[in-house]
Amino acid sequence: MGKKEVIVKIIKVSGAVVRTVIGIGAATLLFLGLRKGKKR
């Protein structure tokens, strides 16, 4: 494997991780927002 292939693989993996983290963060914010809304 060349250096370029390794870099592309790392970029793809990090991109997937970032998307997962953003998704979890958004879901957590929505969940907390709904809980706060129901308490009022």
N, C-alpha and C. Protein backbone atom coordinates (compact mmCIF):
# COMPACT_ATOMS: atom_id res chain seq x y z
N MET A 1 0.85 -1.21 0.00
CA MET A 1 0.00 0.00 0.00
C MET A 1 0.88 1.25 0.00
N GLY A 2 0.49 2.19 -0.88
CA GLY A 2 1.23 3.44 -0.94
C GLY A 2 0.79 4.40 0.15
N LYS A 3 1.60 5.45 0.32
CA LYS A 3 1.26 6.45 1.34
C LYS A 3 -0.08 7.10 1.05
N LYS A 4 -0.35 7.37 -0.23
CA LYS A 4 -1.60 8.04 -0.61
C LYS A 4 -2.81 7.20 -0.20
N GLU A 5 -2.75 5.90 -0.43
CA GLU A 5 -3.87 5.02 -0.07
C GLU A 5 -4.12 5.03 1.43
N VAL A 6 -3.04 5.03 2.21
CA VAL A 6 -3.17 5.03 3.67
C VAL A 6 -3.84 6.32 4.11
N ILE A 7 -3.41 7.46 3.54
CA ILE A 7 -3.98 8.77 3.90
C ILE A 7 -5.47 8.80 3.57
N VAL A 8 -5.84 8.30 2.39
CA VAL A 8 -7.25 8.30 1.98
C VAL A 8 -8.07 7.45 2.96
N LYS A 9 -7.51 6.30 3.35
CA LYS A 9 -8.21 5.41 4.29
C LYS A 9 -8.44 6.11 5.62
N ILE A 10 -7.41 6.80 6.12
CA ILE A 10 -7.51 7.51 7.41
C ILE A 10 -8.56 8.60 7.31
N ILE A 11 -8.59 9.34 6.20
CA ILE A 11 -9.57 10.42 6.02
C ILE A 11 -10.98 9.84 6.03
N LYS A 12 -11.18 8.71 5.34
CA LYS A 12 -12.51 8.09 5.29
C LYS A 12 -12.95 7.64 6.68
N VAL A 13 -12.04 7.01 7.43
CA VAL A 13 -12.38 6.52 8.77
C VAL A 13 -12.69 7.68 9.70
N SER A 14 -11.82 8.72 9.68
CA SER A 14 -12.05 9.88 10.56
C SER A 14 -13.35 10.58 10.19
N GLY A 15 -13.68 10.62 8.90
CA GLY A 15 -14.94 11.24 8.47
C GLY A 15 -16.13 10.49 9.04
N ALA A 16 -16.07 9.16 9.03
CA ALA A 16 -17.16 8.35 9.58
C ALA A 16 -17.28 8.57 11.08
N VAL A 17 -16.14 8.65 11.77
CA VAL A 17 -16.15 8.86 13.22
C VAL A 17 -16.77 10.21 13.54
N VAL A 18 -16.36 11.24 12.80
CA VAL A 18 -16.89 12.60 13.04
C VAL A 18 -18.40 12.60 12.86
N ARG A 19 -18.88 11.95 11.78
CA ARG A 19 -20.32 11.91 11.51
C ARG A 19 -21.06 11.20 12.65
N THR A 20 -20.49 10.11 13.15
CA THR A 20 -21.11 9.37 14.25
C THR A 20 -21.20 10.23 15.50
N VAL A 21 -20.09 10.94 15.81
CA VAL A 21 -20.06 11.79 17.01
C VAL A 21 -21.09 12.90 16.89
N ILE A 22 -21.18 13.53 15.69
CA ILE A 22 -22.16 14.60 15.48
C ILE A 22 -23.57 14.05 15.65
N GLY A 23 -23.82 12.85 15.13
CA GLY A 23 -25.14 12.23 15.24
C GLY A 23 -25.50 11.96 16.69
N ILE A 24 -24.55 11.43 17.46
CA ILE A 24 -24.81 11.15 18.89
C ILE A 24 -25.05 12.46 19.63
N GLY A 25 -24.26 13.48 19.32
CA GLY A 25 -24.42 14.79 19.97
C GLY A 25 -25.78 15.38 19.69
N ALA A 26 -26.21 15.31 18.43
CA ALA A 26 -27.52 15.86 18.05
C ALA A 26 -28.64 15.09 18.76
N ALA A 27 -28.52 13.76 18.82
CA ALA A 27 -29.54 12.94 19.48
C ALA A 27 -29.61 13.26 20.97
N THR A 28 -28.44 13.45 21.58
CA THR A 28 -28.40 13.78 23.02
C THR A 28 -29.07 15.12 23.27
N LEU A 29 -28.75 16.11 22.43
CA LEU A 29 -29.35 17.45 22.59
C LEU A 29 -30.86 17.37 22.44
N LEU A 30 -31.33 16.62 21.43
CA LEU A 30 -32.77 16.47 21.22
C LEU A 30 -33.42 15.80 22.43
N PHE A 31 -32.79 14.74 22.92
CA PHE A 31 -33.32 13.99 24.07
C PHE A 31 -33.42 14.89 25.30
N LEU A 32 -32.34 15.65 25.58
CA LEU A 32 -32.35 16.55 26.74
C LEU A 32 -33.39 17.64 26.54
N GLY A 33 -33.51 18.15 25.32
CA GLY A 33 -34.49 19.20 25.04
C GLY A 33 -35.91 18.71 25.26
N LEU A 34 -36.20 17.49 24.85
CA LEU A 34 -37.54 16.92 25.03
C LEU A 34 -37.83 16.72 26.51
N ARG A 35 -36.83 16.24 27.25
CA ARG A 35 -37.03 16.02 28.70
C ARG A 35 -37.30 17.33 29.41
N LYS A 36 -36.54 18.37 29.06
CA LYS A 36 -36.75 19.68 29.69
C LYS A 36 -38.12 20.23 29.33
N GLY A 37 -38.54 20.01 28.07
CA GLY A 37 -39.83 20.51 27.62
C GLY A 37 -40.97 19.84 28.36
N LYS A 38 -40.86 18.54 28.65
CA LYS A 38 -41.92 17.81 29.36
C LYS A 38 -42.01 18.21 30.83
N LYS A 39 -40.87 18.56 31.42
CA LYS A 39 -40.86 18.92 32.86
C LYS A 39 -41.64 20.20 33.11
N ARG A 40 -41.56 21.15 32.16
CA ARG A 40 -42.23 22.44 32.37
C ARG A 40 -43.73 22.31 32.37
